[in-house]
């Protein structure tokens, strides 16, 4: 009897053998090293069963192991794909919300500029055109006031 890839699958399959034939020690299973013939002899010696019966049970157990391993691998692949899909959806959602937020912010800035800043600038320009001397004198006075305050503050720190 031969089982495909048995030696390569031994490390994973060994635990299933240990559960099925619990009289086998871990050292016994390590010594087998994936040799199917040695495993059949070992089980036959510990349990006194015929080799053909053991081989049949091993074949069923191994087939179940491979089937479960394949299902688990498929489940992992499906989970990875689902995670990837959800991650892409999440990223797209974030991008859309960021674009919406950016658009809302632009609209608010435009509204503030149109309602407050532009009219104030326009009124200032009109005032300067009508009263140029007062505007220059007012700007000069404000500049002197600010300069004086800065001077006082810089002297008080020294």
C-alpha atoms as a PDB file:
ATOM      1  CA  UNK A   1       0.000   0.000   0.000  1.00  0.00           C
ATOM      2  CA  UNK A   2       1.241   3.480  -0.767  1.00  0.00           C
ATOM      3  CA  UNK A   3      -0.201   6.846   0.086  1.00  0.00           C
ATOM      4  CA  UNK A   4       0.626   9.863  -2.093  1.00  0.00           C
ATOM      5  CA  UNK A   5       2.946  12.442  -0.480  1.00  0.00           C
ATOM      6  CA  UNK A   6       2.809  10.498   2.806  1.00  0.00           C
ATOM      7  CA  UNK A   7       6.379  11.315   3.836  1.00  0.00           C
ATOM      8  CA  UNK A   8       5.913  14.996   3.024  1.00  0.00           C
ATOM      9  CA  UNK A   9       2.625  15.128   4.941  1.00  0.00           C
ATOM     10  CA  UNK A  10       3.902  13.139   7.909  1.00  0.00           C
ATOM     11  CA  UNK A  11       4.493  16.097  10.249  1.00  0.00           C
ATOM     12  CA  UNK A  12       0.873  17.216   9.899  1.00  0.00           C
ATOM     13  CA  UNK A  13      -0.604  13.749   9.792  1.00  0.00           C
ATOM     14  CA  UNK A  14       1.347  12.412  12.783  1.00  0.00           C
ATOM     15  CA  UNK A  15      -1.069  14.031  15.268  1.00  0.00           C
ATOM     16  CA  UNK A  16      -4.019  12.251  13.661  1.00  0.00           C
ATOM     17  CA  UNK A  17      -2.229   8.922  14.035  1.00  0.00           C
ATOM     18  CA  UNK A  18      -1.464   9.717  17.685  1.00  0.00           C
ATOM     19  CA  UNK A  19      -5.152  10.373  18.367  1.00  0.00           C
ATOM     20  CA  UNK A  20      -6.359   7.239  16.532  1.00  0.00           C
ATOM     21  CA  UNK A  21      -3.750   4.917  18.114  1.00  0.00           C
ATOM     22  CA  UNK A  22      -3.151   6.501  21.504  1.00  0.00           C
ATOM     23  CA  UNK A  23      -0.810   3.759  22.754  1.00  0.00           C
ATOM     24  CA  UNK A  24       1.875   5.070  20.404  1.00  0.00           C
ATOM     25  CA  UNK A  25       4.311   7.401  22.115  1.00  0.00           C
ATOM     26  CA  UNK A  26       5.606  10.603  20.599  1.00  0.00           C
ATOM     27  CA  UNK A  27       9.059   9.045  20.414  1.00  0.00           C
ATOM     28  CA  UNK A  28       7.605   6.071  18.475  1.00  0.00           C
ATOM     29  CA  UNK A  29       6.009   8.427  15.976  1.00  0.00           C
ATOM     30  CA  UNK A  30       9.151  10.546  15.597  1.00  0.00           C
ATOM     31  CA  UNK A  31      11.194   7.402  14.852  1.00  0.00           C
ATOM     32  CA  UNK A  32       8.795   6.403  12.059  1.00  0.00           C
ATOM     33  CA  UNK A  33       9.860   9.547  10.128  1.00  0.00           C
ATOM     34  CA  UNK A  34       7.013   9.182   7.648  1.00  0.00           C
ATOM     35  CA  UNK A  35       7.842   5.608   6.617  1.00  0.00           C
ATOM     36  CA  UNK A  36       4.486   3.957   6.019  1.00  0.00           C
ATOM     37  CA  UNK A  37       5.814   0.403   6.387  1.00  0.00           C
ATOM     38  CA  UNK A  38       7.441   1.207   9.726  1.00  0.00           C
ATOM     39  CA  UNK A  39       4.237   2.837  10.933  1.00  0.00           C
ATOM     40  CA  UNK A  40       2.131  -0.216  10.019  1.00  0.00           C
ATOM     41  CA  UNK A  41       4.614  -2.516  11.808  1.00  0.00           C
ATOM     42  CA  UNK A  42       4.603  -0.251  14.874  1.00  0.00           C
ATOM     43  CA  UNK A  43       0.801  -0.139  15.128  1.00  0.00           C
ATOM     44  CA  UNK A  44       0.535  -3.890  14.482  1.00  0.00           C
ATOM     45  CA  UNK A  45       3.060  -4.554  17.243  1.00  0.00           C
ATOM     46  CA  UNK A  46       1.319  -2.297  19.808  1.00  0.00           C
ATOM     47  CA  UNK A  47      -2.265  -3.299  18.987  1.00  0.00           C
ATOM     48  CA  UNK A  48      -1.890  -6.812  17.600  1.00  0.00           C
ATOM     49  CA  UNK A  49      -4.025  -6.031  14.567  1.00  0.00           C
ATOM     50  CA  UNK A  50      -3.503  -7.387  11.050  1.00  0.00           C
ATOM     51  CA  UNK A  51      -1.451  -5.198   8.753  1.00  0.00           C
ATOM     52  CA  UNK A  52      -4.180  -5.136   6.099  1.00  0.00           C
ATOM     53  CA  UNK A  53      -6.692  -3.767   8.617  1.00  0.00           C
ATOM     54  CA  UNK A  54      -4.205  -1.154   9.796  1.00  0.00           C
ATOM     55  CA  UNK A  55      -3.389  -0.176   6.209  1.00  0.00           C
ATOM     56  CA  UNK A  56      -7.090   0.232   5.454  1.00  0.00           C
ATOM     57  CA  UNK A  57      -7.655   2.403   8.530  1.00  0.00           C
ATOM     58  CA  UNK A  58      -4.552   4.448   7.725  1.00  0.00           C
ATOM     59  CA  UNK A  59      -5.779   4.944   4.176  1.00  0.00           C
ATOM     60  CA  UNK A  60      -9.185   6.224   5.420  1.00  0.00           C
ATOM     61  CA  UNK A  61      -7.583   8.430   8.056  1.00  0.00           C
ATOM     62  CA  UNK A  62      -5.084   9.845   5.575  1.00  0.00           C
ATOM     63  CA  UNK A  63      -7.778  10.512   2.954  1.00  0.00           C
ATOM     64  CA  UNK A  64      -9.800  12.382   5.582  1.00  0.00           C
ATOM     65  CA  UNK A  65      -6.705  14.315   6.618  1.00  0.00           C
ATOM     66  CA  UNK A  66      -5.976  15.386   3.035  1.00  0.00           C
ATOM     67  CA  UNK A  67      -9.612  16.323   2.468  1.00  0.00           C
ATOM     68  CA  UNK A  68      -9.686  18.441   5.635  1.00  0.00           C
ATOM     69  CA  UNK A  69      -6.372  20.027   4.752  1.00  0.00           C
ATOM     70  CA  UNK A  70      -7.708  20.945   1.309  1.00  0.00           C
ATOM     71  CA  UNK A  71     -10.912  22.379   2.809  1.00  0.00           C
ATOM     72  CA  UNK A  72      -8.885  24.421   5.265  1.00  0.00           C
ATOM     73  CA  UNK A  73      -6.611  25.685   2.488  1.00  0.00           C
ATOM     74  CA  UNK A  74      -9.677  26.594   0.409  1.00  0.00           C
ATOM     75  CA  UNK A  75     -11.237  28.345   3.408  1.00  0.00           C
ATOM     76  CA  UNK A  76      -8.070  30.328   3.979  1.00  0.00           C
ATOM     77  CA  UNK A  77      -7.927  31.315   0.313  1.00  0.00           C
ATOM     78  CA  UNK A  78     -11.565  32.407   0.399  1.00  0.00           C
ATOM     79  CA  UNK A  79     -10.980  34.352   3.628  1.00  0.00           C
ATOM     80  CA  UNK A  80      -7.972  36.111   2.083  1.00  0.00           C
ATOM     81  CA  UNK A  81     -10.033  37.014  -0.963  1.00  0.00           C
ATOM     82  CA  UNK A  82     -12.878  38.281   1.233  1.00  0.00           C
ATOM     83  CA  UNK A  83     -10.459  40.325   3.325  1.00  0.00           C
ATOM     84  CA  UNK A  84      -8.938  41.757   0.157  1.00  0.00           C
ATOM     85  CA  UNK A  85     -12.357  42.665  -1.209  1.00  0.00           C
ATOM     86  CA  UNK A  86     -13.444  44.251   2.049  1.00  0.00           C
ATOM     87  CA  UNK A  87     -10.148  46.148   2.325  1.00  0.00           C
ATOM     88  CA  UNK A  88     -10.591  47.541  -1.181  1.00  0.00           C
ATOM     89  CA  UNK A  89     -14.195  48.493  -0.410  1.00  0.00           C
ATOM     90  CA  UNK A  90     -13.113  50.131   2.838  1.00  0.00           C
ATOM     91  CA  UNK A  91     -10.341  52.066   1.080  1.00  0.00           C
ATOM     92  CA  UNK A  92     -12.755  53.228  -1.633  1.00  0.00           C
ATOM     93  CA  UNK A  93     -15.226  54.314   1.044  1.00  0.00           C
ATOM     94  CA  UNK A  94     -12.533  56.318   2.803  1.00  0.00           C
ATOM     95  CA  UNK A  95     -11.447  57.909  -0.481  1.00  0.00           C
ATOM     96  CA  UNK A  96     -15.036  58.871  -1.266  1.00  0.00           C
ATOM     97  CA  UNK A  97     -15.603  60.343   2.189  1.00  0.00           C
ATOM     98  CA  UNK A  98     -12.343  62.286   1.922  1.00  0.00           C
ATOM     99  CA  UNK A  99     -13.373  63.636  -1.493  1.00  0.00           C
ATOM    100  CA  UNK A 100     -16.799  64.586  -0.108  1.00  0.00           C
ATOM    101  CA  UNK A 101     -15.188  66.298   2.875  1.00  0.00           C
ATOM    102  CA  UNK A 102     -12.780  68.149   0.595  1.00  0.00           C
ATOM    103  CA  UNK A 103     -15.660  69.327  -1.605  1.00  0.00           C
ATOM    104  CA  UNK A 104     -17.662  70.469   1.436  1.00  0.00           C
ATOM    105  CA  UNK A 105     -14.633  72.340   2.787  1.00  0.00           C
ATOM    106  CA  UNK A 106     -14.097  74.071  -0.567  1.00  0.00           C
ATOM    107  CA  UNK A 107     -17.754  75.073  -0.689  1.00  0.00           C
ATOM    108  CA  UNK A 108     -17.608  76.482   2.856  1.00  0.00           C
ATOM    109  CA  UNK A 109     -14.425  78.450   2.163  1.00  0.00           C
ATOM    110  CA  UNK A 110     -15.964  79.843  -1.012  1.00  0.00           C
ATOM    111  CA  UNK A 111     -19.143  80.784   0.859  1.00  0.00           C
ATOM    112  CA  UNK A 112     -17.186  82.509   3.653  1.00  0.00           C
ATOM    113  CA  UNK A 113     -15.085  84.389   1.115  1.00  0.00           C
ATOM    114  CA  UNK A 114     -18.140  85.440  -0.900  1.00  0.00           C
ATOM    115  CA  UNK A 115     -20.217  86.452   2.144  1.00  0.00           C
ATOM    116  CA  UNK A 116     -17.591  88.037   4.377  1.00  0.00           C
ATOM    117  CA  UNK A 117     -14.166  88.607   2.887  1.00  0.00           C
ATOM    118  CA  UNK A 118     -15.044  89.818  -0.614  1.00  0.00           C
ATOM    119  CA  UNK A 119     -17.616  92.367   0.614  1.00  0.00           C
ATOM    120  CA  UNK A 120     -15.172  93.647   3.265  1.00  0.00           C
ATOM    121  CA  UNK A 121     -12.414  94.021   0.668  1.00  0.00           C
ATOM    122  CA  UNK A 122     -14.807  95.744  -1.707  1.00  0.00           C
ATOM    123  CA  UNK A 123     -15.981  98.169   1.013  1.00  0.00           C
ATOM    124  CA  UNK A 124     -12.365  98.868   1.981  1.00  0.00           C
ATOM    125  CA  UNK A 125     -11.448  99.618  -1.605  1.00  0.00           C
ATOM    126  CA  UNK A 126     -14.470 101.912  -1.987  1.00  0.00           C
ATOM    127  CA  UNK A 127     -13.588 103.723   1.240  1.00  0.00           C
ATOM    128  CA  UNK A 128      -9.986 104.185   0.119  1.00  0.00           C
ATOM    129  CA  UNK A 129     -11.145 105.578  -3.246  1.00  0.00           C
ATOM    130  CA  UNK A 130     -13.536 108.037  -1.580  1.00  0.00           C
ATOM    131  CA  UNK A 131     -11.286 108.951   1.388  1.00  0.00           C
ATOM    132  CA  UNK A 132      -7.667 108.294   0.349  1.00  0.00           C
ATOM    133  CA  UNK A 133      -6.108 110.727   2.843  1.00  0.00           C
ATOM    134  CA  UNK A 134      -8.045 109.343   5.816  1.00  0.00           C
ATOM    135  CA  UNK A 135      -7.182 105.794   4.780  1.00  0.00           C
ATOM    136  CA  UNK A 136      -3.463 106.520   4.528  1.00  0.00           C
ATOM    137  CA  UNK A 137      -3.496 108.488   7.776  1.00  0.00           C
ATOM    138  CA  UNK A 138      -5.427 105.661   9.501  1.00  0.00           C
ATOM    139  CA  UNK A 139      -2.990 103.047   8.213  1.00  0.00           C
ATOM    140  CA  UNK A 140      -0.059 105.205   9.353  1.00  0.00           C
ATOM    141  CA  UNK A 141      -1.604 105.569  12.818  1.00  0.00           C
ATOM    142  CA  UNK A 142      -2.218 101.850  13.134  1.00  0.00           C
ATOM    143  CA  UNK A 143       1.373 101.157  12.014  1.00  0.00           C
ATOM    144  CA  UNK A 144       2.710 103.600  14.628  1.00  0.00           C
ATOM    145  CA  UNK A 145       0.576 102.055  17.329  1.00  0.00           C
ATOM    146  CA  UNK A 146       1.753  98.537  16.513  1.00  0.00           C
ATOM    147  CA  UNK A 147       5.372  99.699  16.277  1.00  0.00           C
ATOM    148  CA  UNK A 148       5.096 101.407  19.662  1.00  0.00           C
ATOM    149  CA  UNK A 149       3.652  98.334  21.296  1.00  0.00           C
ATOM    150  CA  UNK A 150       6.425  96.163  19.841  1.00  0.00           C
ATOM    151  CA  UNK A 151       9.022  98.646  21.065  1.00  0.00           C
ATOM    152  CA  UNK A 152       7.628  98.657  24.588  1.00  0.00           C
ATOM    153  CA  UNK A 153       7.425  94.890  24.712  1.00  0.00           C
ATOM    154  CA  UNK A 154      10.988  94.446  23.432  1.00  0.00           C
ATOM    155  CA  UNK A 155      12.350  96.922  26.051  1.00  0.00           C
ATOM    156  CA  UNK A 156      10.500  95.191  28.863  1.00  0.00           C
ATOM    157  CA  UNK A 157      12.088  91.829  27.968  1.00  0.00           C
ATOM    158  CA  UNK A 158      15.621  93.211  28.118  1.00  0.00           C
END
